[in-house]
């Protein structure tokens, strides 16, 4: 009976170690995905900002009420 208990305990410990590795891998990939999403969104926002500024410069449109077109 002691051998059976030791085998079950060893198996449980092995499952715990494997589960820890799997959990770390899942969390790492989740973190990587979140960082990639944030990077993509910030790059898109930056591109929109630059595009807006270029649009305003090239077309010469202004919000200045003293300037009439």
Protein backbone atom coordinates (compact mmCIF):
# COMPACT_ATOMS: atom_id res chain seq x y z
CA UNK A 1 0.00 0.00 0.00
CA UNK A 2 2.90 2.35 0.68
CA UNK A 3 4.19 1.82 -2.84
CA UNK A 4 0.79 2.67 -4.29
CA UNK A 5 0.63 5.86 -2.22
CA UNK A 6 4.15 6.81 -3.28
CA UNK A 7 3.29 6.14 -6.93
CA UNK A 8 0.14 8.26 -6.70
CA UNK A 9 2.06 11.02 -4.94
CA UNK A 10 4.83 10.91 -7.55
CA UNK A 11 2.28 11.00 -10.35
CA UNK A 12 0.50 13.94 -8.73
CA UNK A 13 3.78 15.79 -8.36
CA UNK A 14 4.64 15.13 -12.02
CA UNK A 15 1.23 16.41 -13.10
CA UNK A 16 1.74 19.50 -10.94
CA UNK A 17 5.12 20.23 -12.56
CA UNK A 18 3.73 19.67 -16.06
CA UNK A 19 0.72 21.84 -15.26
CA UNK A 20 3.04 24.57 -14.04
CA UNK A 21 4.98 24.51 -17.29
CA UNK A 22 1.77 24.57 -19.30
CA UNK A 23 0.40 27.45 -17.23
CA UNK A 24 3.61 29.45 -17.68
CA UNK A 25 3.54 28.81 -21.44
CA UNK A 26 -0.12 29.88 -21.69
CA UNK A 27 0.48 33.05 -19.65
CA UNK A 28 3.59 33.90 -21.68
CA UNK A 29 1.73 33.53 -24.97
CA UNK A 30 -1.20 35.54 -23.61
CA UNK A 31 1.18 38.31 -22.53
CA UNK A 32 2.88 38.26 -25.94
CA UNK A 33 -0.50 38.51 -27.69
CA UNK A 34 -1.57 41.44 -25.51
CA UNK A 35 1.71 43.26 -26.18
CA UNK A 36 1.35 42.64 -29.92
CA UNK A 37 -2.22 43.95 -29.88
CA UNK A 38 -1.22 47.10 -27.96
CA UNK A 39 1.70 47.65 -30.32
CA UNK A 40 -0.57 47.29 -33.36
CA UNK A 41 -3.18 49.67 -31.97
CA UNK A 42 -0.61 52.29 -30.99
CA UNK A 43 1.04 52.05 -34.41
CA UNK A 44 -2.35 52.51 -36.08
CA UNK A 45 -3.07 55.54 -33.87
CA UNK A 46 0.31 57.02 -34.72
CA UNK A 47 -0.28 56.44 -38.45
CA UNK A 48 -3.68 58.16 -38.19
CA UNK A 49 -2.12 61.10 -36.37
CA UNK A 50 0.64 61.49 -38.95
CA UNK A 51 -1.89 61.09 -41.76
CA UNK A 52 -4.11 63.78 -40.26
CA UNK A 53 -1.19 66.20 -39.85
CA UNK A 54 -0.03 65.57 -43.43
CA UNK A 55 -3.60 66.04 -44.66
CA UNK A 56 -3.85 69.37 -42.88
CA UNK A 57 -0.47 70.54 -44.21
CA UNK A 58 -0.98 69.44 -47.83
CA UNK A 59 -4.51 70.75 -48.15
CA UNK A 60 -3.69 73.84 -46.14
CA UNK A 61 -7.02 73.73 -44.36
CA UNK A 62 -7.15 75.45 -41.03
CA UNK A 63 -9.49 75.72 -38.11
CA UNK A 64 -8.51 79.34 -37.66
CA UNK A 65 -11.75 81.40 -37.84
CA UNK A 66 -9.81 84.49 -39.00
CA UNK A 67 -8.83 82.68 -42.16
CA UNK A 68 -11.58 82.46 -44.75
CA UNK A 69 -11.49 80.17 -47.74
